[in-house]
Amino acid sequence: MTDLLYSEDETDLRAAVRALLTARADPAAVLAAPGAESGAAADPALWRALAAEVGAAGLLVPEKLGGAGASHREAAVVLEELGRAVAPVPYLTSSVVATSVLLALTPGAETEALLRDLAEGRRTAALAVPLSLAPGDPLPGGTDRITPVADAASADVLLVPGPEGLRAVEARDALVEPLIALDLTRPLAAVTVPTGAGTPLAGAAESERAVRRGLLTGAALLASEQLGIAEWCLAETVRHTRERHQFNRPVGSFQALKHRMAGTWLEVVSARAAARAAADALATGSEDTALLTAVAQTYCSRVAVRAAEECVQLHGGIGMTWEHPAHLYLKRAKADATAFGAPGRHKETVAALTGLHSP
């Protein structure tokens, strides 16, 4: 394992992404967006700016295909900032999961052309599997209705695994039905693909390996998004309790609240270590990637939910209102806790990989 501290390049990338999100997608702006109540996609201009101007969409794509040739550590930094802003952009689904699936395939003209489009932000893609699917779960087959698929409604291309292999299907050629989601900032949809639609990209065996690589990458880097959620919730809670007064004292000075926030801080620090370890394992090709991913998901899922719940509760009555963005973080944290496998599923993976299963 390499140094888990943030490098200078990672710090500079964080500053660029945070500046963009602060200007165009702070939590108040996300809440006030026209599609906030319907779960519709955010302003496409935000995605174009993140993908093209900052260059975040192509971080994992090699330079020869128009990307930045960066590592998963840099992608993790972007996801931390997107988590802090609960930004409704398809970065995790398109620039991380779908891109990782394509990169795991044998290079071909169709694959490389699609990777160039994704890297430049001209198009987005979504892997057509249930969002709850864990890296080790059986993959769906056939062309039956697949649900729920994250960001399918806004994707240009769907990567559809099946018995014959992986196909790239234009979204307009599939039936995509929007669903009501808990987290309105990450829209879900049911996808039905007609038999024979799309362009074949790989055979069955190669397709399964590539899809599992995409799911593993998604689960590992989702921990960084969960870290960003927890960090914002803790910082916002500390800020509010400093400014809110009762009995002529800041409520944050009350011992009971200090203990709760201190406990959350310790959990957030530990979550940062777990998320960074998972991202670094992907970046270095560590043989412990599956284990570190399962550990990160088991821990970071719980920390994000706990921090969001504390944020809502310690804001008092205002934390329960639609006007305050705390509910966005709680919904994203709850939804993320079921994405790419629930914590209990990842605990089973940890037990299996460490030999803790009962004989």
Protein backbone atom coordinates (compact mmCIF):
# COMPACT_ATOMS: atom_id res chain seq x y z
CA MET A 1 0.00 0.00 0.00
CA THR A 2 1.29 3.45 -0.91
CA ASP A 3 0.97 6.68 1.05
CA LEU A 4 -2.73 7.39 1.62
CA LEU A 5 -2.20 11.13 2.14
CA TYR A 6 -3.47 13.36 -0.65
CA SER A 7 -0.86 14.29 -3.23
CA GLU A 8 -0.37 17.81 -4.55
CA ASP A 9 -2.12 16.88 -7.80
CA GLU A 10 -5.06 15.44 -5.88
CA THR A 11 -5.29 18.57 -3.76
CA ASP A 12 -5.29 20.77 -6.86
CA LEU A 13 -7.99 18.61 -8.45
CA ARG A 14 -10.10 18.88 -5.30
CA ALA A 15 -9.78 22.67 -5.36
CA ALA A 16 -10.92 22.85 -8.99
CA VAL A 17 -13.92 20.58 -8.45
CA ARG A 18 -14.94 22.30 -5.21
CA ALA A 19 -14.73 25.73 -6.84
CA LEU A 20 -16.99 24.58 -9.67
CA LEU A 21 -19.53 22.99 -7.34
CA THR A 22 -19.52 25.97 -4.98
CA ALA A 23 -20.28 28.28 -7.89
CA ARG A 24 -22.87 26.15 -9.67
CA ALA A 25 -24.16 23.38 -7.39
CA ASP A 26 -23.96 24.13 -3.70
CA PRO A 27 -26.59 22.23 -1.65
CA ALA A 28 -28.99 25.18 -1.67
CA ALA A 29 -28.81 25.34 -5.47
CA VAL A 30 -29.39 21.59 -5.80
CA LEU A 31 -32.44 21.90 -3.55
CA ALA A 32 -33.80 24.83 -5.51
CA ALA A 33 -33.29 23.22 -8.94
CA PRO A 34 -36.49 22.81 -10.99
CA GLY A 35 -36.18 19.01 -11.00
CA ALA A 36 -35.46 18.61 -7.29
CA GLU A 37 -38.93 17.33 -6.46
CA SER A 38 -39.29 15.15 -9.55
CA GLY A 39 -35.84 13.57 -9.54
CA ALA A 40 -35.09 14.98 -12.99
CA ALA A 41 -31.53 15.41 -14.18
CA ALA A 42 -29.67 18.53 -13.11
CA ASP A 43 -28.64 21.37 -15.37
CA PRO A 44 -26.65 19.78 -18.22
CA ALA A 45 -24.29 22.76 -18.07
CA LEU A 46 -22.97 21.51 -14.73
CA TRP A 47 -22.11 18.12 -16.19
CA ARG A 48 -20.46 19.69 -19.22
CA ALA A 49 -18.36 21.90 -16.98
CA LEU A 50 -17.31 19.02 -14.72
CA ALA A 51 -16.67 16.64 -17.61
CA ALA A 52 -15.04 18.91 -20.14
CA GLU A 53 -13.74 22.02 -18.39
CA VAL A 54 -12.38 20.25 -15.30
CA GLY A 55 -11.71 17.06 -17.27
CA ALA A 56 -13.15 14.79 -14.59
CA ALA A 57 -15.02 12.51 -16.99
CA GLY A 58 -11.82 11.18 -18.54
CA LEU A 59 -9.70 10.67 -15.42
CA LEU A 60 -9.67 6.87 -15.73
CA VAL A 61 -9.33 6.84 -19.51
CA PRO A 62 -5.79 6.53 -21.00
CA GLU A 63 -4.35 9.58 -22.71
CA LYS A 64 -4.25 7.82 -26.09
CA LEU A 65 -8.05 7.66 -25.96
CA GLY A 66 -8.50 11.31 -25.01
CA GLY A 67 -8.50 10.88 -21.25
CA ALA A 68 -6.22 12.06 -18.47
CA GLY A 69 -4.63 8.70 -17.72
CA ALA A 70 -5.04 9.33 -13.99
CA SER A 71 -5.73 6.76 -11.29
CA HIS A 72 -8.65 5.76 -9.10
CA ARG A 73 -7.24 7.97 -6.34
CA GLU A 74 -8.00 11.07 -8.40
CA ALA A 75 -11.47 9.76 -9.27
CA ALA A 76 -12.04 9.18 -5.55
CA VAL A 77 -11.22 12.83 -4.81
CA VAL A 78 -13.84 13.93 -7.35
CA LEU A 79 -16.41 11.67 -5.72
CA GLU A 80 -15.62 13.07 -2.28
CA GLU A 81 -16.47 16.54 -3.55
CA LEU A 82 -19.58 15.34 -5.38
CA GLY A 83 -20.70 13.70 -2.14
CA ARG A 84 -20.14 16.94 -0.23
CA ALA A 85 -22.44 18.71 -2.70
CA VAL A 86 -24.87 15.82 -3.39
CA ALA A 87 -24.41 16.96 -6.98
CA PRO A 88 -26.92 15.27 -9.33
CA VAL A 89 -24.45 14.30 -12.07
CA PRO A 90 -23.81 10.84 -13.57
CA TYR A 91 -20.14 10.73 -12.61
CA LEU A 92 -20.22 7.51 -10.59
CA THR A 93 -22.39 5.63 -13.07
CA SER A 94 -20.80 6.85 -16.31
CA SER A 95 -17.24 8.02 -15.63
CA VAL A 96 -16.47 5.32 -13.06
CA VAL A 97 -18.62 2.19 -13.46
CA ALA A 98 -19.40 2.18 -17.19
CA THR A 99 -15.92 3.44 -18.05
CA SER A 100 -14.31 0.73 -15.91
CA VAL A 101 -16.36 -1.94 -17.67
CA LEU A 102 -15.22 -0.71 -21.08
CA LEU A 103 -11.58 -0.46 -19.98
CA ALA A 104 -11.70 -4.09 -18.83
CA LEU A 105 -12.65 -5.28 -22.34
CA THR A 106 -10.28 -6.24 -25.12
CA PRO A 107 -9.69 -3.02 -27.11
CA GLY A 108 -11.82 -2.67 -30.20
CA ALA A 109 -13.04 0.08 -32.50
CA GLU A 110 -16.50 0.32 -30.90
CA THR A 111 -15.12 0.24 -27.36
CA GLU A 112 -12.44 2.85 -28.01
CA ALA A 113 -14.84 5.18 -29.81
CA LEU A 114 -17.25 5.03 -26.89
CA LEU A 115 -14.44 5.62 -24.37
CA ARG A 116 -13.37 8.73 -26.29
CA ASP A 117 -16.91 10.09 -26.17
CA LEU A 118 -17.20 9.37 -22.45
CA ALA A 119 -13.80 10.90 -21.68
CA GLU A 120 -14.67 14.13 -23.46
CA GLY A 121 -18.11 14.35 -21.86
CA ARG A 122 -19.93 14.22 -25.17
CA ARG A 123 -21.95 11.18 -24.07
CA THR A 124 -22.79 9.32 -20.88
CA ALA A 125 -23.29 5.61 -20.31
CA ALA A 126 -24.97 3.45 -17.69
CA LEU A 127 -24.41 -0.20 -16.85
CA ALA A 128 -27.82 -1.86 -17.10
CA VAL A 129 -27.77 -3.87 -13.89
CA PRO A 130 -29.66 -3.25 -10.63
CA LEU A 131 -27.97 -0.58 -8.54
CA SER A 132 -28.13 -2.92 -5.54
CA LEU A 133 -26.03 -5.61 -7.28
CA ALA A 134 -22.86 -6.42 -5.31
CA PRO A 135 -19.59 -7.33 -7.09
CA GLY A 136 -19.95 -11.02 -6.21
CA ASP A 137 -23.67 -11.42 -6.90
CA PRO A 138 -25.03 -13.41 -9.89
CA LEU A 139 -25.37 -11.18 -12.94
CA PRO A 140 -28.78 -10.64 -14.55
CA GLY A 141 -29.29 -12.28 -17.93
CA GLY A 142 -31.51 -11.93 -20.94
CA THR A 143 -33.53 -8.88 -21.98
CA ASP A 144 -36.06 -8.87 -19.16
CA ARG A 145 -36.95 -5.69 -17.32
CA ILE A 146 -33.91 -4.57 -15.30
CA THR A 147 -34.60 -2.41 -12.27
CA PRO A 148 -33.50 -0.16 -10.72
CA VAL A 149 -30.78 1.21 -13.01
CA ALA A 150 -29.17 4.45 -11.84
CA ASP A 151 -28.96 7.39 -14.27
CA ALA A 152 -30.43 5.33 -17.13
CA ALA A 153 -32.96 8.03 -17.95
CA SER A 154 -30.22 10.54 -18.77
CA ALA A 155 -27.72 8.12 -20.35
CA ASP A 156 -26.98 8.12 -24.06
CA VAL A 157 -25.75 4.52 -24.11
CA LEU A 158 -26.68 1.48 -22.04
CA LEU A 159 -24.17 -1.32 -21.45
CA VAL A 160 -26.34 -4.42 -21.30
CA PRO A 161 -24.89 -7.77 -20.14
CA GLY A 162 -26.63 -10.95 -21.28
CA PRO A 163 -26.10 -14.67 -21.95
CA GLU A 164 -24.27 -13.91 -25.21
CA GLY A 165 -22.12 -11.15 -23.78
CA LEU A 166 -22.09 -7.38 -23.42
CA ARG A 167 -23.88 -5.05 -25.82
CA ALA A 168 -23.87 -1.28 -26.23
CA VAL A 169 -27.45 -0.17 -26.78
CA GLU A 170 -28.49 3.35 -27.67
CA ALA A 171 -30.84 4.53 -24.94
CA ARG A 172 -33.39 5.63 -27.52
CA ASP A 173 -33.68 2.00 -28.68
CA ALA A 174 -34.62 0.73 -25.21
CA LEU A 175 -37.65 1.28 -23.02
CA VAL A 176 -36.54 3.39 -20.06
CA GLU A 177 -39.22 4.00 -17.42
CA PRO A 178 -38.35 6.51 -14.66
CA LEU A 179 -39.00 5.27 -11.13
CA ILE A 180 -39.74 7.08 -7.88
CA ALA A 181 -36.49 7.08 -5.91
CA LEU A 182 -35.69 7.90 -2.30
CA ASP A 183 -32.66 9.90 -3.46
CA LEU A 184 -33.95 12.43 -5.98
CA THR A 185 -30.41 13.49 -6.89
CA ARG A 186 -29.63 10.05 -8.42
CA PRO A 187 -32.60 9.15 -10.63
CA LEU A 188 -33.54 5.48 -11.09
CA ALA A 189 -35.28 3.79 -13.98
CA ALA A 190 -36.48 0.40 -15.19
CA VAL A 191 -34.85 -0.68 -18.44
CA THR A 192 -36.21 -3.12 -21.02
CA VAL A 193 -34.00 -3.88 -24.02
CA PRO A 194 -35.45 -5.51 -27.15
CA THR A 195 -33.91 -8.83 -28.19
CA GLY A 196 -30.97 -8.34 -30.53
CA ALA A 197 -30.71 -4.59 -30.02
CA GLY A 198 -27.33 -2.91 -29.79
CA THR A 199 -23.74 -3.57 -30.81
CA PRO A 200 -21.90 -6.61 -29.36
CA LEU A 201 -18.77 -5.61 -27.43
CA ALA A 202 -17.61 -8.87 -25.85
CA GLY A 203 -18.44 -12.53 -25.37
CA ALA A 204 -20.00 -14.01 -22.25
CA ALA A 205 -16.84 -14.83 -20.27
CA GLU A 206 -15.10 -11.52 -21.01
CA SER A 207 -18.33 -9.64 -20.38
CA GLU A 208 -18.74 -11.16 -16.93
CA ARG A 209 -15.18 -10.27 -15.93
CA ALA A 210 -15.61 -6.71 -17.18
CA VAL A 211 -18.95 -6.18 -15.46
CA ARG A 212 -17.60 -7.51 -12.17
CA ARG A 213 -14.64 -5.15 -12.51
CA GLY A 214 -17.05 -2.27 -12.99
CA LEU A 215 -19.10 -3.27 -9.96
CA LEU A 216 -15.99 -3.65 -7.81
CA THR A 217 -14.74 -0.22 -8.89
CA GLY A 218 -18.15 1.32 -8.22
CA ALA A 219 -18.35 -0.20 -4.74
CA ALA A 220 -14.80 0.87 -3.86
CA LEU A 221 -15.18 4.47 -5.00
CA LEU A 222 -18.71 4.82 -3.65
CA ALA A 223 -17.00 4.82 -0.25
CA SER A 224 -15.37 8.13 -1.20
CA GLU A 225 -18.76 9.63 -2.03
CA GLN A 226 -20.04 8.41 1.33
CA LEU A 227 -17.02 10.03 2.97
CA GLY A 228 -17.88 13.34 1.31
CA ILE A 229 -21.46 13.09 2.57
CA ALA A 230 -20.28 12.46 6.13
CA GLU A 231 -17.74 15.29 6.01
CA TRP A 232 -20.32 17.85 4.90
CA CYS A 233 -22.84 16.69 7.48
CA LEU A 234 -20.30 16.94 10.30
CA ALA A 235 -19.02 20.37 9.19
CA GLU A 236 -22.56 21.73 8.80
CA THR A 237 -23.59 20.37 12.20
CA VAL A 238 -20.58 21.97 13.90
CA ARG A 239 -21.27 25.28 12.15
CA HIS A 240 -24.94 25.29 13.14
CA THR A 241 -24.35 24.37 16.78
CA ARG A 242 -21.79 27.16 17.07
CA GLU A 243 -24.29 29.73 15.81
CA ARG A 244 -27.45 28.43 17.46
CA HIS A 245 -27.86 29.75 21.03
CA GLN A 246 -29.96 28.55 23.96
CA PHE A 247 -29.79 29.95 27.48
CA ASN A 248 -27.38 32.56 26.09
CA ARG A 249 -24.86 29.85 25.12
CA PRO A 250 -24.02 28.14 21.81
CA VAL A 251 -25.75 24.76 21.84
CA GLY A 252 -22.50 23.25 20.62
CA SER A 253 -20.98 24.01 24.02
CA PHE A 254 -23.34 21.56 25.74
CA GLN A 255 -21.38 18.51 26.79
CA ALA A 256 -23.84 15.97 25.41
CA LEU A 257 -23.70 17.49 21.93
CA LYS A 258 -19.92 17.81 22.04
CA HIS A 259 -19.66 14.09 22.77
CA ARG A 260 -21.95 13.23 19.86
CA MET A 261 -20.03 15.39 17.40
CA ALA A 262 -16.68 14.11 18.67
CA GLY A 263 -17.88 10.55 18.13
CA THR A 264 -18.95 11.41 14.59
CA TRP A 265 -15.58 13.04 13.92
CA LEU A 266 -13.75 9.87 14.96
CA GLU A 267 -15.94 7.82 12.65
CA VAL A 268 -15.37 10.22 9.74
CA VAL A 269 -11.59 10.04 10.19
CA SER A 270 -11.75 6.25 10.18
CA ALA A 271 -14.02 6.31 7.12
CA ARG A 272 -11.46 8.45 5.31
CA ALA A 273 -8.78 5.84 5.95
CA ALA A 274 -11.04 3.03 4.72
CA ALA A 275 -12.13 4.90 1.58
CA ARG A 276 -8.59 5.96 0.71
CA ALA A 277 -7.32 2.42 1.19
CA ALA A 278 -9.94 1.05 -1.21
CA ALA A 279 -9.16 3.71 -3.84
CA ASP A 280 -5.42 3.14 -3.49
CA ALA A 281 -5.87 -0.62 -3.83
CA LEU A 282 -7.64 -0.08 -7.15
CA ALA A 283 -4.99 2.36 -8.32
CA THR A 284 -2.09 0.01 -7.49
CA GLY A 285 -3.77 -3.24 -8.52
CA SER A 286 -3.47 -4.68 -5.02
CA GLU A 287 -4.43 -8.30 -4.50
CA ASP A 288 -6.40 -7.11 -1.46
CA THR A 289 -8.71 -4.85 -3.52
CA ALA A 290 -11.81 -6.99 -2.99
CA LEU A 291 -11.21 -7.18 0.77
CA LEU A 292 -10.46 -3.47 1.19
CA THR A 293 -13.52 -2.60 -0.90
CA ALA A 294 -15.76 -4.77 1.27
CA VAL A 295 -14.28 -3.24 4.44
CA ALA A 296 -14.76 0.30 3.09
CA GLN A 297 -18.37 -0.34 2.12
CA THR A 298 -19.19 -2.06 5.41
CA TYR A 299 -17.86 0.91 7.38
CA CYS A 300 -18.44 3.99 5.21
CA SER A 301 -22.10 3.16 4.56
CA ARG A 302 -22.83 3.23 8.29
CA VAL A 303 -20.78 6.37 8.91
CA ALA A 304 -22.52 8.34 6.14
CA VAL A 305 -25.96 7.42 7.46
CA ARG A 306 -24.97 8.16 11.06
CA ALA A 307 -23.50 11.57 10.18
CA ALA A 308 -26.56 12.49 8.12
CA GLU A 309 -28.92 11.45 10.91
CA GLU A 310 -26.94 13.48 13.44
CA CYS A 311 -27.04 16.46 11.07
CA VAL A 312 -30.83 16.31 10.82
CA GLN A 313 -31.35 15.79 14.55
CA LEU A 314 -28.88 18.39 15.82
CA HIS A 315 -30.36 21.03 13.54
CA GLY A 316 -33.57 20.65 15.53
CA GLY A 317 -36.82 21.58 13.82
CA ILE A 318 -35.17 23.20 10.80
CA GLY A 319 -33.39 19.94 10.01
CA MET A 320 -36.75 18.29 9.39
CA THR A 321 -37.87 20.83 6.79
CA TRP A 322 -37.69 20.60 3.02
CA GLU A 323 -36.05 24.03 2.87
CA HIS A 324 -32.88 22.83 4.61
CA PRO A 325 -30.62 20.56 2.50
CA ALA A 326 -29.95 18.09 5.34
CA HIS A 327 -32.60 15.72 4.02
CA LEU A 328 -30.77 15.50 0.67
CA TYR A 329 -27.75 14.07 2.47
CA LEU A 330 -29.79 11.64 4.55
CA LYS A 331 -31.56 10.34 1.45
CA ARG A 332 -28.31 10.02 -0.51
CA ALA A 333 -26.64 8.26 2.43
CA LYS A 334 -29.55 5.84 2.83
CA ALA A 335 -29.66 5.14 -0.91
CA ASP A 336 -25.88 4.68 -1.10
CA ALA A 337 -26.07 2.14 1.73
CA THR A 338 -27.93 -0.21 -0.61
CA ALA A 339 -25.89 0.52 -3.76
CA PHE A 340 -23.44 -2.14 -4.98
CA GLY A 341 -24.47 -4.35 -2.10
CA ALA A 342 -25.78 -3.61 1.38
CA PRO A 343 -23.34 -3.51 4.33
CA GLY A 344 -24.46 -6.98 5.41
CA ARG A 345 -23.54 -8.37 1.98
CA HIS A 346 -20.08 -6.83 2.23
CA LYS A 347 -19.64 -8.23 5.75
CA GLU A 348 -20.19 -11.67 4.23
CA THR A 349 -17.46 -10.91 1.70
CA VAL A 350 -15.07 -9.85 4.46
CA ALA A 351 -15.81 -13.07 6.34
CA ALA A 352 -15.26 -15.20 3.24
CA LEU A 353 -12.01 -13.51 2.23
CA THR A 354 -10.55 -13.65 5.73
CA GLY A 355 -11.63 -17.20 6.52
CA LEU A 356 -14.10 -16.19 9.22
CA HIS A 357 -16.97 -18.28 7.86
CA SER A 358 -18.06 -21.15 10.08
CA PRO A 359 -17.05 -24.59 8.71
